[in-house]
N, C-alpha and C. Protein backbone atom coordinates (compact mmCIF):
# COMPACT_ATOMS: atom_id res chain seq x y z
N UNK A 1 12.97 25.39 -4.82
CA UNK A 1 13.12 23.91 -5.40
C UNK A 1 13.09 23.83 -6.34
N UNK A 2 14.45 23.09 -7.08
CA UNK A 2 14.82 22.52 -8.20
C UNK A 2 14.00 21.23 -9.11
N UNK A 3 13.17 21.97 -9.89
CA UNK A 3 12.26 20.92 -10.62
C UNK A 3 13.29 19.85 -11.14
N UNK A 4 14.51 19.93 -11.80
CA UNK A 4 15.11 19.07 -12.35
C UNK A 4 14.96 17.68 -11.46
N UNK A 5 15.17 17.75 -10.22
CA UNK A 5 15.50 17.05 -9.68
C UNK A 5 14.30 16.71 -8.58
N UNK A 6 13.29 17.04 -8.06
CA UNK A 6 12.39 16.82 -7.47
C UNK A 6 10.95 17.14 -8.17
N UNK A 7 10.78 15.42 -8.67
CA UNK A 7 9.56 15.09 -8.96
C UNK A 7 8.90 14.04 -8.63
N UNK A 8 7.53 14.49 -7.64
CA UNK A 8 7.63 13.18 -7.25
C UNK A 8 6.33 12.91 -6.53
N UNK A 9 5.58 12.11 -5.97
CA UNK A 9 4.38 12.24 -5.09
C UNK A 9 4.43 11.26 -3.95
N UNK A 10 6.06 10.90 -3.59
CA UNK A 10 5.60 10.12 -2.27
C UNK A 10 6.94 10.56 -1.63
N UNK A 11 6.58 10.64 -0.03
CA UNK A 11 7.75 10.80 0.85
C UNK A 11 8.90 9.91 1.28
N UNK A 12 9.92 10.02 1.27
CA UNK A 12 10.68 9.03 1.64
C UNK A 12 11.67 9.36 3.03
N UNK A 13 11.52 8.44 4.04
CA UNK A 13 12.52 8.86 5.23
C UNK A 13 13.12 7.38 5.23
N UNK A 14 14.50 8.14 6.00
CA UNK A 14 15.66 7.64 5.75
C UNK A 14 15.56 6.85 7.03
N UNK A 15 15.81 6.25 7.85
CA UNK A 15 16.44 6.04 9.41
C UNK A 15 17.38 5.12 9.63
N UNK A 16 18.23 5.19 10.48
CA UNK A 16 19.30 4.63 11.25
C UNK A 16 19.55 4.60 12.46
N UNK A 17 19.46 3.48 13.17
CA UNK A 17 19.29 3.09 14.50
C UNK A 17 20.88 2.80 15.06
N UNK A 18 21.60 2.92 15.59
CA UNK A 18 22.51 2.50 16.49
C UNK A 18 21.98 1.65 17.76
N UNK A 19 22.39 0.01 18.12
CA UNK A 19 22.02 -0.37 19.24
C UNK A 19 22.91 -0.17 20.01
N UNK A 20 23.17 -0.55 21.31
CA UNK A 20 24.22 -0.93 22.47
C UNK A 20 24.69 -2.48 22.33
N UNK A 21 25.95 -2.23 22.08
CA UNK A 21 26.25 -4.10 21.50
C UNK A 21 25.98 -4.75 22.14
N UNK A 22 25.90 -4.95 23.21
CA UNK A 22 24.93 -6.08 24.12
C UNK A 22 23.80 -6.46 23.89
N UNK A 23 22.87 -5.20 23.46
CA UNK A 23 21.93 -5.65 22.69
C UNK A 23 21.25 -6.06 21.54
N UNK A 24 22.64 -5.87 20.49
CA UNK A 24 21.96 -6.39 19.52
C UNK A 24 21.64 -7.48 19.02
N UNK A 25 21.66 -8.73 19.39
CA UNK A 25 21.30 -9.93 19.12
C UNK A 25 19.75 -10.20 19.55
N UNK A 26 19.50 -9.19 20.97
CA UNK A 26 18.12 -9.42 20.87
C UNK A 26 17.29 -8.53 20.22
N UNK A 27 18.13 -7.43 19.58
CA UNK A 27 17.17 -6.30 18.97
C UNK A 27 17.12 -7.53 17.76
N UNK A 28 17.84 -8.05 17.37
CA UNK A 28 17.68 -8.67 15.83
C UNK A 28 16.51 -10.35 15.93
N UNK A 29 16.33 -10.22 17.44
CA UNK A 29 15.32 -11.46 17.48
C UNK A 29 14.02 -11.12 17.67
N UNK A 30 14.30 -9.26 18.39
CA UNK A 30 13.07 -9.03 18.58
C UNK A 30 12.60 -8.38 17.03
N UNK A 31 13.30 -8.31 16.57
CA UNK A 31 12.88 -7.03 15.34
C UNK A 31 12.28 -8.27 14.11
N UNK A 32 12.85 -9.21 14.08
CA UNK A 32 12.23 -10.71 13.39
C UNK A 32 10.98 -11.76 13.62
N UNK A 33 10.69 -10.91 14.91
CA UNK A 33 9.42 -11.86 15.22
C UNK A 33 8.31 -10.17 15.13
N UNK A 34 8.58 -9.22 15.68
CA UNK A 34 7.48 -8.38 15.94
C UNK A 34 7.35 -7.14 14.82
N UNK A 35 8.50 -7.43 13.96
CA UNK A 35 8.36 -6.03 12.76
C UNK A 35 7.08 -6.02 12.04
N UNK A 36 6.16 -7.12 12.32
CA UNK A 36 5.04 -6.99 11.08
C UNK A 36 3.73 -6.04 11.82
N UNK A 37 4.34 -6.05 13.12
CA UNK A 37 3.42 -4.38 13.76
C UNK A 37 3.44 -3.54 13.11
N UNK A 38 4.93 -3.23 12.52
CA UNK A 38 5.01 -1.82 11.95
C UNK A 38 4.64 -1.88 10.56
N UNK A 39 5.06 -2.94 10.08
CA UNK A 39 4.80 -2.82 8.47
C UNK A 39 3.49 -2.79 8.14
N UNK A 40 2.78 -3.07 9.02
CA UNK A 40 0.98 -2.93 9.09
C UNK A 40 1.17 -2.05 8.75
N UNK A 41 1.42 -0.47 9.28
CA UNK A 41 0.87 1.09 9.35
C UNK A 41 1.47 1.47 7.94
N UNK A 42 2.52 1.32 7.22
CA UNK A 42 3.00 1.81 6.37
C UNK A 42 4.40 1.17 5.36
N UNK A 43 4.50 1.25 4.12
CA UNK A 43 5.25 0.64 2.97
C UNK A 43 6.82 0.72 3.78
N UNK A 44 7.50 -0.22 3.74
CA UNK A 44 9.06 -0.52 3.82
C UNK A 44 9.37 -0.71 2.38
N UNK A 45 10.61 -0.05 2.47
CA UNK A 45 11.30 -0.32 0.96
C UNK A 45 12.70 -1.16 1.22
N UNK A 46 13.15 -0.59 2.14
CA UNK A 46 14.08 -1.26 2.79
C UNK A 46 14.97 -1.74 3.75
N UNK A 47 15.83 -2.79 4.21
CA UNK A 47 16.27 -2.70 5.94
C UNK A 47 17.65 -3.14 5.65
N UNK A 48 18.27 -2.46 6.58
CA UNK A 48 19.88 -3.25 6.14
C UNK A 48 20.33 -3.28 7.22
N UNK A 49 21.39 -4.33 7.78
CA UNK A 49 22.07 -4.34 8.77
C UNK A 49 23.57 -4.01 8.51
N UNK A 50 24.16 -2.98 9.19
CA UNK A 50 25.82 -2.35 8.68
C UNK A 50 26.34 -3.85 9.12
N UNK A 51 27.31 -3.85 8.48
CA UNK A 51 28.55 -5.20 8.39
C UNK A 51 29.82 -4.37 8.85
N UNK A 52 30.26 -3.33 7.67
CA UNK A 52 31.78 -2.73 7.84
C UNK A 52 31.77 -1.33 7.48
N UNK A 53 32.56 -0.53 8.06
CA UNK A 53 32.23 0.92 8.00
C UNK A 53 30.82 1.19 9.16
N UNK A 54 30.94 0.55 9.77
CA UNK A 54 29.78 0.54 11.10
C UNK A 54 29.39 -1.01 11.60
N UNK A 55 28.90 -0.90 12.94
CA UNK A 55 28.81 -2.17 13.84
C UNK A 55 27.52 -1.58 14.69
N UNK A 56 26.96 -2.95 14.91
CA UNK A 56 25.32 -2.42 15.69
C UNK A 56 24.61 -1.87 15.31
N UNK A 57 24.47 -1.30 13.91
CA UNK A 57 23.49 -0.06 13.69
C UNK A 57 22.69 -0.66 12.08
N UNK A 58 21.56 -0.38 12.38
CA UNK A 58 20.29 -0.70 10.90
C UNK A 58 20.23 0.82 10.27
N UNK A 59 19.71 0.48 9.02
CA UNK A 59 19.55 1.98 8.23
C UNK A 59 17.77 0.78 7.38
N UNK A 60 16.71 1.76 7.69
CA UNK A 60 15.56 1.54 7.02
C UNK A 60 15.09 2.29 6.09
N UNK A 61 14.73 2.16 4.81
CA UNK A 61 13.60 3.21 4.22
C UNK A 61 12.03 3.06 4.17
N UNK A 62 11.71 3.76 4.24
CA UNK A 62 9.95 4.10 4.59
C UNK A 62 9.32 4.54 3.44
N UNK A 63 8.20 4.44 3.11
CA UNK A 63 7.44 5.23 2.08
C UNK A 63 6.00 5.48 2.79
N UNK A 64 5.79 6.96 2.48
CA UNK A 64 4.67 7.29 2.35
C UNK A 64 4.32 8.45 1.51
N UNK A 65 2.80 8.77 1.62
CA UNK A 65 2.53 9.42 0.23
C UNK A 65 2.68 10.64 0.61
N UNK A 66 2.72 11.40 1.46
CA UNK A 66 3.42 12.64 1.66
C UNK A 66 3.80 12.61 3.40
N UNK A 67 4.18 13.82 3.46
CA UNK A 67 4.09 14.15 5.04
C UNK A 67 3.40 14.14 6.00
N UNK A 68 2.09 14.79 5.67
CA UNK A 68 0.32 14.19 6.29
C UNK A 68 0.35 13.00 6.35
N UNK A 69 0.64 12.29 5.48
CA UNK A 69 0.44 10.90 5.83
C UNK A 69 1.53 10.48 6.74
N UNK A 70 2.67 10.93 6.36
CA UNK A 70 3.88 10.48 7.30
C UNK A 70 3.04 10.61 9.15
N UNK A 71 2.82 11.49 9.36
CA UNK A 71 2.00 12.45 10.21
C UNK A 71 1.02 11.44 10.89
N UNK A 72 0.18 10.95 9.96
CA UNK A 72 -1.08 10.41 10.36
C UNK A 72 -0.17 8.83 10.68
N UNK A 73 0.64 8.45 10.28
CA UNK A 73 0.98 6.92 10.48
C UNK A 73 1.65 6.65 12.08
N UNK A 74 2.56 8.09 11.91
CA UNK A 74 2.88 8.19 13.39
C UNK A 74 1.93 8.22 14.47
N UNK A 75 1.10 9.06 14.18
CA UNK A 75 -0.37 9.33 15.53
C UNK A 75 -0.59 7.92 15.65
N UNK A 76 -1.18 6.78 14.43
CA UNK A 76 -1.53 5.69 14.52
C UNK A 76 -0.63 4.59 15.50
N UNK A 77 0.88 4.75 15.22
CA UNK A 77 1.55 4.04 16.03
C UNK A 77 1.54 4.22 17.56
N UNK A 78 0.97 5.42 17.53
CA UNK A 78 1.26 6.10 19.00
C UNK A 78 0.38 5.51 19.63
N UNK A 79 -0.77 5.37 19.49
CA UNK A 79 -1.96 4.25 19.50
C UNK A 79 -2.34 2.84 19.60
N UNK A 80 -0.96 2.15 19.06
CA UNK A 80 -1.24 0.76 18.82
C UNK A 80 -0.78 -0.12 19.95
N UNK A 81 -1.68 -0.40 20.64
CA UNK A 81 -0.81 -1.23 22.26
C UNK A 81 -0.11 -2.29 21.98
N UNK A 82 -0.41 -2.71 20.67
CA UNK A 82 0.50 -4.24 20.29
C UNK A 82 1.66 -4.00 20.10
N UNK A 83 1.69 -2.83 19.08
CA UNK A 83 3.32 -2.00 18.60
C UNK A 83 3.75 -1.45 19.63
N UNK A 84 3.58 -0.99 20.68
CA UNK A 84 4.09 0.05 22.37
C UNK A 84 4.38 -1.11 22.91
N UNK A 85 3.35 -2.51 23.45
CA UNK A 85 3.76 -2.86 24.46
C UNK A 85 4.78 -4.50 23.79
N UNK A 86 4.77 -4.93 22.72
CA UNK A 86 5.18 -6.24 22.12
C UNK A 86 6.77 -5.53 21.24
N UNK A 87 6.68 -4.34 21.33
CA UNK A 87 7.60 -4.01 20.16
C UNK A 87 8.67 -2.69 21.43
N UNK A 88 8.03 -1.75 21.01
CA UNK A 88 8.54 -0.29 21.49
C UNK A 88 9.34 -0.25 23.00
N UNK A 89 8.44 -0.83 24.14
CA UNK A 89 8.98 -1.07 25.19
C UNK A 89 10.11 -1.99 25.23
N UNK A 90 10.02 -3.05 24.65
CA UNK A 90 11.54 -3.75 24.56
C UNK A 90 12.64 -2.82 23.87
N UNK A 91 12.51 -2.25 22.86
CA UNK A 91 13.36 -1.74 22.06
C UNK A 91 13.83 -0.40 22.27
N UNK A 92 13.15 0.71 23.34
CA UNK A 92 13.60 2.00 23.87
C UNK A 92 14.96 1.50 24.87
N UNK A 93 15.35 0.31 25.52
CA UNK A 93 16.22 0.18 26.61
C UNK A 93 17.38 -0.13 25.71
N UNK A 94 17.42 -0.64 24.20
CA UNK A 94 18.47 -1.61 23.70
C UNK A 94 19.56 -0.22 22.99
N UNK A 95 18.32 1.12 22.44
CA UNK A 95 18.53 1.75 21.14
C UNK A 95 20.02 2.95 21.97
N UNK A 96 21.15 3.39 21.34
CA UNK A 96 21.74 4.13 21.87
C UNK A 96 21.75 5.46 21.01
N UNK A 97 21.33 5.44 19.81
CA UNK A 97 21.13 6.49 19.09
C UNK A 97 20.38 6.45 17.95
N UNK A 98 19.07 7.32 17.47
CA UNK A 98 18.05 7.37 16.28
C UNK A 98 18.54 8.55 15.43
N UNK A 99 18.47 8.33 14.10
CA UNK A 99 18.63 9.86 13.28
C UNK A 99 18.07 9.56 12.24
N UNK A 100 17.46 10.35 11.68
CA UNK A 100 16.10 10.63 10.47
C UNK A 100 16.79 11.23 9.38
N UNK A 101 15.91 11.30 8.28
CA UNK A 101 15.89 12.61 7.42
C UNK A 101 15.01 11.85 6.14
N UNK A 102 14.37 13.11 5.44
CA UNK A 102 13.30 13.17 4.66
C UNK A 102 14.45 13.20 3.32
N UNK A 103 13.99 12.34 2.55
CA UNK A 103 14.69 12.24 1.34
C UNK A 103 14.18 12.01 -0.04
N UNK A 104 14.67 12.78 -1.69
CA UNK A 104 14.06 12.70 -2.40
C UNK A 104 14.52 11.67 -3.48
N UNK A 105 13.99 10.87 -3.97
CA UNK A 105 14.93 10.23 -5.30
C UNK A 105 14.15 10.56 -6.50
N UNK A 106 15.20 11.20 -7.35
CA UNK A 106 14.90 12.09 -8.86
C UNK A 106 14.48 11.06 -9.67
N UNK A 107 13.44 11.58 -10.36
CA UNK A 107 12.78 10.98 -11.32
C UNK A 107 13.66 10.25 -12.36
N UNK A 108 14.88 10.81 -12.64
CA UNK A 108 16.14 9.96 -13.43
C UNK A 108 16.70 8.86 -13.12
N UNK A 109 16.42 8.94 -12.18
CA UNK A 109 17.05 7.71 -11.12
C UNK A 109 16.01 6.07 -11.27
N UNK A 110 15.05 6.13 -11.69
CA UNK A 110 14.24 5.34 -11.38
C UNK A 110 14.47 3.87 -12.45
N UNK A 111 15.13 5.22 -13.92
CA UNK A 111 15.69 4.27 -14.97
C UNK A 111 16.82 3.23 -14.85
N UNK A 112 17.33 3.76 -13.87
CA UNK A 112 19.10 3.13 -13.34
C UNK A 112 18.71 2.21 -12.16
N UNK A 113 17.39 2.01 -12.01
CA UNK A 113 17.78 1.19 -10.43
C UNK A 113 17.30 -0.19 -11.04
N UNK A 114 17.71 -1.18 -10.21
CA UNK A 114 17.66 -2.43 -10.20
C UNK A 114 16.76 -3.16 -9.58
N UNK A 115 15.87 -4.22 -9.80
CA UNK A 115 15.45 -5.02 -8.82
C UNK A 115 15.73 -6.28 -8.00
N UNK A 116 16.68 -6.36 -8.29
CA UNK A 116 17.38 -7.55 -7.57
C UNK A 116 17.37 -6.98 -5.71
N UNK A 117 16.60 -8.64 -5.21
CA UNK A 117 16.65 -8.15 -4.12
C UNK A 117 17.96 -8.54 -2.99
N UNK A 118 18.80 -9.65 -3.83
CA UNK A 118 19.79 -10.09 -3.16
C UNK A 118 21.17 -9.28 -2.92
N UNK A 119 21.99 -9.58 -1.44
CA UNK A 119 22.69 -9.10 -1.07
C UNK A 119 24.35 -8.97 -1.26
N UNK A 120 25.53 -8.48 -1.28
CA UNK A 120 25.49 -7.48 -0.01
C UNK A 120 25.52 -6.38 -0.86
N UNK A 121 25.64 -4.99 0.35
CA UNK A 121 25.07 -3.57 -0.62
C UNK A 121 25.91 -2.98 0.17
N UNK A 122 26.11 -1.73 -0.36
CA UNK A 122 26.57 -0.80 0.32
C UNK A 122 26.07 0.55 -0.18
N UNK A 123 26.28 1.32 1.04
CA UNK A 123 25.29 2.61 1.34
C UNK A 123 26.60 3.26 1.26
N UNK A 124 26.80 4.19 0.39
CA UNK A 124 27.65 5.32 -0.04
C UNK A 124 27.00 6.55 0.47
N UNK A 125 27.38 7.95 1.29
CA UNK A 125 26.96 8.52 1.19
C UNK A 125 27.81 10.20 1.30
N UNK A 126 27.68 11.32 0.36
CA UNK A 126 28.26 12.04 -0.10
C UNK A 126 27.52 13.23 0.19
N UNK A 127 28.86 14.16 0.66
CA UNK A 127 28.16 15.17 0.90
C UNK A 127 29.33 16.53 0.04
N UNK A 128 28.06 17.37 -0.25
CA UNK A 128 28.90 18.46 -1.66
C UNK A 128 29.20 19.82 -0.26
N UNK A 129 30.14 20.46 -1.12
CA UNK A 129 30.15 21.64 0.05
C UNK A 129 29.08 22.83 -0.57
N UNK A 130 28.26 22.42 -1.53
CA UNK A 130 27.27 23.23 -1.92
C UNK A 130 25.99 22.25 -2.27
N UNK A 131 24.68 23.18 -2.33
CA UNK A 131 23.54 22.23 -2.44
C UNK A 131 23.66 21.03 -3.29
N UNK A 132 23.34 19.92 -2.96
CA UNK A 132 23.67 18.60 -3.84
C UNK A 132 22.74 19.02 -5.23
N UNK A 133 21.51 19.13 -4.99
CA UNK A 133 20.83 19.54 -6.60
C UNK A 133 21.56 20.61 -7.39
N UNK A 134 22.25 21.22 -6.88
CA UNK A 134 23.45 22.07 -7.90
C UNK A 134 24.37 21.04 -8.38
N UNK A 135 24.75 19.46 -8.01
CA UNK A 135 25.44 18.83 -8.18
C UNK A 135 25.07 17.61 -8.77
N UNK A 136 23.55 17.53 -9.76
CA UNK A 136 22.86 16.55 -10.42
C UNK A 136 23.80 15.81 -11.20
N UNK A 137 24.80 16.36 -12.11
CA UNK A 137 25.54 16.04 -13.22
C UNK A 137 26.30 15.64 -12.55
N UNK A 138 27.48 15.60 -11.61
CA UNK A 138 28.09 15.01 -10.83
C UNK A 138 28.11 13.65 -10.50
N UNK A 139 26.08 13.85 -9.32
CA UNK A 139 26.23 12.54 -9.14
C UNK A 139 25.76 11.64 -10.40
N UNK A 140 25.47 12.13 -11.13
CA UNK A 140 25.05 11.04 -12.38
C UNK A 140 26.12 10.02 -13.17
N UNK A 141 27.39 11.36 -13.49
CA UNK A 141 28.49 10.35 -13.38
C UNK A 141 28.88 9.92 -12.75
N UNK A 142 29.05 9.83 -11.36
CA UNK A 142 29.33 8.80 -9.98
C UNK A 142 28.62 7.64 -10.32
N UNK A 143 27.04 7.68 -10.90
CA UNK A 143 26.57 6.21 -11.17
C UNK A 143 26.81 5.72 -12.49
N UNK A 144 26.97 6.72 -13.39
CA UNK A 144 27.28 5.67 -14.55
C UNK A 144 28.82 5.24 -14.34
N UNK A 145 29.73 5.26 -13.68
CA UNK A 145 30.53 4.77 -13.25
C UNK A 145 31.00 3.10 -13.01
N UNK A 146 29.30 3.24 -12.23
CA UNK A 146 29.37 2.24 -11.19
C UNK A 146 28.26 1.15 -11.75
N UNK A 147 27.47 1.25 -12.90
CA UNK A 147 26.48 0.47 -12.84
C UNK A 147 26.65 -0.58 -13.60
N UNK A 148 28.57 -0.48 -14.61
CA UNK A 148 28.21 -1.92 -15.15
C UNK A 148 29.12 -2.95 -14.31
N UNK A 149 28.89 -2.68 -12.98
CA UNK A 149 29.72 -3.53 -12.13
C UNK A 149 29.00 -3.35 -10.84
N UNK A 150 28.23 -2.49 -10.70
CA UNK A 150 27.34 -2.78 -9.49
C UNK A 150 25.61 -2.36 -10.08
N UNK A 151 24.75 -3.13 -8.75
CA UNK A 151 23.41 -2.53 -8.81
C UNK A 151 22.97 -1.45 -8.36
N UNK A 152 22.06 -0.58 -8.78
CA UNK A 152 22.19 0.68 -7.87
C UNK A 152 20.29 0.37 -7.55
N UNK A 153 20.26 0.19 -6.33
CA UNK A 153 19.37 0.20 -5.47
C UNK A 153 18.28 1.57 -4.99
N UNK A 154 19.34 2.55 -4.91
CA UNK A 154 18.40 3.54 -4.12
C UNK A 154 19.43 4.48 -4.93
N UNK A 155 18.83 6.04 -5.08
CA UNK A 155 19.48 7.27 -4.82
C UNK A 155 18.73 8.45 -4.49
N UNK A 156 19.40 9.02 -3.02
CA UNK A 156 18.35 9.80 -2.58
C UNK A 156 19.05 11.10 -1.77
N UNK A 157 18.41 12.12 -2.82
CA UNK A 157 18.93 13.39 -2.12
C UNK A 157 18.39 14.03 -0.97
N UNK A 158 18.94 14.13 -0.28
CA UNK A 158 18.05 14.50 1.80
C UNK A 158 17.90 15.70 1.42
N UNK A 159 16.31 15.96 2.06
CA UNK A 159 15.45 17.53 1.82
C UNK A 159 15.63 17.72 3.46
N UNK A 160 14.97 16.74 4.43
CA UNK A 160 15.57 17.28 5.47
C UNK A 160 16.86 16.37 6.40
N UNK A 161 17.43 17.02 6.58
CA UNK A 161 18.82 16.11 7.49
C UNK A 161 20.45 17.07 6.68
N UNK A 162 21.25 16.14 7.24
CA UNK A 162 22.35 16.67 6.56
C UNK A 162 22.08 17.58 5.55
N UNK A 163 23.07 18.49 5.98
CA UNK A 163 23.02 19.39 3.99
C UNK A 163 24.13 19.15 3.52
N UNK A 164 23.12 19.30 1.46
CA UNK A 164 24.13 18.89 0.81
C UNK A 164 24.34 17.76 0.48
N UNK A 165 23.61 16.35 1.29
CA UNK A 165 23.54 15.23 0.82
C UNK A 165 23.16 14.05 0.10
N UNK A 166 23.68 13.57 -0.39
CA UNK A 166 23.16 12.12 -1.38
C UNK A 166 23.56 11.13 -0.56
N UNK A 167 22.64 10.30 -0.53
CA UNK A 167 22.66 8.67 -0.60
C UNK A 167 22.45 7.70 -1.58
N UNK A 168 23.49 6.75 -1.66
CA UNK A 168 23.25 5.96 -2.83
C UNK A 168 23.49 4.36 -2.15
N UNK A 169 22.65 3.42 -2.63
CA UNK A 169 22.74 2.31 -2.21
C UNK A 169 22.75 1.32 -3.37
N UNK A 170 23.99 0.49 -3.06
CA UNK A 170 24.21 -0.36 -4.15
C UNK A 170 24.43 -2.22 -3.90
N UNK A 171 24.15 -2.93 -4.86
CA UNK A 171 24.28 -4.28 -4.53
C UNK A 171 25.37 -4.51 -5.56
N UNK A 172 26.06 -5.39 -5.08
CA UNK A 172 27.04 -6.81 -5.38
C UNK A 172 26.56 -7.57 -5.45
N UNK A 173 27.48 -8.81 -6.42
CA UNK A 173 27.23 -10.11 -6.31
C UNK A 173 27.89 -11.12 -5.05
N UNK A 174 29.21 -10.50 -4.71
CA UNK A 174 30.03 -10.77 -3.54
C UNK A 174 30.48 -9.76 -2.72
N UNK A 175 30.57 -10.08 -1.46
CA UNK A 175 31.08 -9.08 -0.37
C UNK A 175 32.42 -8.03 -1.01
N UNK A 176 33.33 -9.59 -1.55
CA UNK A 176 34.98 -8.80 -2.63
C UNK A 176 34.64 -7.79 -3.30
N UNK A 177 33.66 -7.74 -4.25
CA UNK A 177 33.23 -6.97 -5.24
C UNK A 177 33.27 -5.61 -4.60
N UNK A 178 33.24 -4.94 -3.54
CA UNK A 178 33.27 -3.94 -2.62
C UNK A 178 34.66 -3.39 -2.52
N UNK A 179 35.82 -4.62 -2.38
CA UNK A 179 36.89 -4.47 -2.10
C UNK A 179 37.94 -3.20 -2.90
N UNK A 180 37.47 -3.39 -4.67
CA UNK A 180 38.03 -2.02 -4.96
C UNK A 180 37.57 -0.84 -5.13
N UNK A 181 36.64 -0.86 -4.60
CA UNK A 181 35.26 0.47 -4.77
C UNK A 181 36.81 1.98 -4.60
N UNK A 182 36.38 2.32 -5.24
CA UNK A 182 37.12 3.51 -5.79
C UNK A 182 36.81 4.86 -5.00
N UNK A 183 37.68 5.76 -4.53
CA UNK A 183 37.28 6.67 -4.01
C UNK A 183 38.32 8.16 -4.63
N UNK A 184 37.69 8.17 -6.00
CA UNK A 184 38.54 9.20 -6.73
C UNK A 184 37.86 10.75 -6.82
N UNK A 185 36.97 10.88 -5.82
CA UNK A 185 36.27 12.12 -5.54
C UNK A 185 37.12 13.09 -5.22
N UNK A 186 37.19 14.31 -6.38
CA UNK A 186 38.04 15.26 -5.52
C UNK A 186 37.38 16.77 -5.70
N UNK A 187 37.90 17.17 -5.14
CA UNK A 187 37.68 18.66 -4.27
C UNK A 187 36.78 19.39 -5.46
N UNK A 188 37.41 19.34 -6.96
CA UNK A 188 37.03 20.41 -8.00
C UNK A 188 35.80 19.37 -8.48
N UNK A 189 35.33 18.47 -8.31
CA UNK A 189 33.66 17.70 -8.06
C UNK A 189 33.18 18.56 -7.32
N UNK A 190 33.30 19.07 -5.92
CA UNK A 190 32.86 19.79 -5.25
C UNK A 190 32.31 18.68 -4.20
N UNK A 191 32.84 18.09 -3.72
CA UNK A 191 32.91 16.67 -2.37
C UNK A 191 34.08 17.19 -1.59
N UNK A 192 33.02 17.08 -0.01
CA UNK A 192 34.11 17.56 0.97
C UNK A 192 33.72 16.29 1.87
N UNK A 193 33.03 14.94 1.82
CA UNK A 193 33.50 14.01 2.34
C UNK A 193 31.99 13.00 1.17
N UNK A 194 32.85 11.99 1.95
CA UNK A 194 32.37 10.49 1.12
C UNK A 194 32.64 9.29 2.19
N UNK A 195 31.58 8.62 2.52
CA UNK A 195 31.89 7.63 3.54
C UNK A 195 30.94 6.44 2.98
N UNK A 196 31.34 5.16 3.30
CA UNK A 196 30.50 4.19 2.76
C UNK A 196 30.25 2.68 4.06
N UNK A 197 29.41 2.26 3.59
CA UNK A 197 28.94 1.31 4.83
C UNK A 197 28.26 -0.05 4.36
N UNK A 198 29.58 -1.10 4.48
CA UNK A 198 28.85 -2.53 3.89
C UNK A 198 27.49 -3.43 4.31
N UNK A 199 26.76 -3.49 3.63
CA UNK A 199 25.34 -4.18 4.34
C UNK A 199 24.96 -5.30 4.19
N UNK A 200 24.09 -5.69 5.03
CA UNK A 200 23.16 -6.81 4.15
C UNK A 200 21.84 -6.32 4.50
N UNK A 201 20.80 -7.66 3.75
CA UNK A 201 19.72 -7.24 4.07
C UNK A 201 19.07 -8.10 5.23
N UNK A 202 17.72 -7.79 5.82
CA UNK A 202 17.38 -8.19 6.82
C UNK A 202 16.30 -8.59 6.44
N UNK A 203 16.22 -9.88 7.21
CA UNK A 203 15.56 -11.08 6.87
C UNK A 203 14.01 -11.06 7.08
N UNK A 204 13.23 -9.87 7.84
CA UNK A 204 12.20 -9.55 7.94
C UNK A 204 11.72 -8.48 6.46
N UNK A 205 12.62 -7.97 5.74
CA UNK A 205 12.19 -6.95 4.87
C UNK A 205 12.22 -7.79 2.99
N UNK A 206 11.18 -8.11 2.56
CA UNK A 206 11.42 -8.82 1.60
C UNK A 206 11.95 -8.19 0.26
N UNK A 207 12.12 -6.83 0.50
CA UNK A 207 12.52 -5.89 -1.03
C UNK A 207 14.16 -6.57 -0.93
N UNK A 208 14.59 -6.02 0.71
CA UNK A 208 16.34 -6.42 0.44
C UNK A 208 16.83 -7.52 0.84
N UNK A 209 15.66 -8.85 1.26
CA UNK A 209 16.01 -9.83 1.93
C UNK A 209 17.23 -10.92 1.45
N UNK A 210 18.18 -10.95 1.89
CA UNK A 210 19.54 -11.98 1.79
C UNK A 210 19.23 -13.07 1.21
């Protein structure tokens, strides 16, 4: 494992849920009312609702001390009767798909991040032809190109999940700021796929609350 990128004491998990279109309003109401039952067990670092580039979907970012800590939290959730009866049993019929990954935030990204909480946000997923950590300098260059116009909220290298992937979450002052988003990545930079999703912060998450 590359020590240039991986220097951490935390385990981060990125989760994306796709909801059945007809169930999405009920999902929002349920989560707004009952999600405190989930955050009582572990720290929520971000929760976003997809607006453009993907519909009826949400992405959330969780923090744990380690994978062992995550396993302990999952075990505790499994026997939390309130969480199961008031939230999970209502959530399951609404779900179309769940995807998760374990991600790493490199130490050098900490000084580049903004503490701004207000959105809108954009999630940018970049897939490289080779190991993402080998393309650290390309990622740094891409970030520096955007920092004058956008705030960096998260920079995440995937550890367990899609191969060779980096996820960046950006914040802008206005939705229209994202209209001029450049996609100048070329094959010589080693990038084979680039995807963007415009999002807004969920009202039940204090770190990304619009």
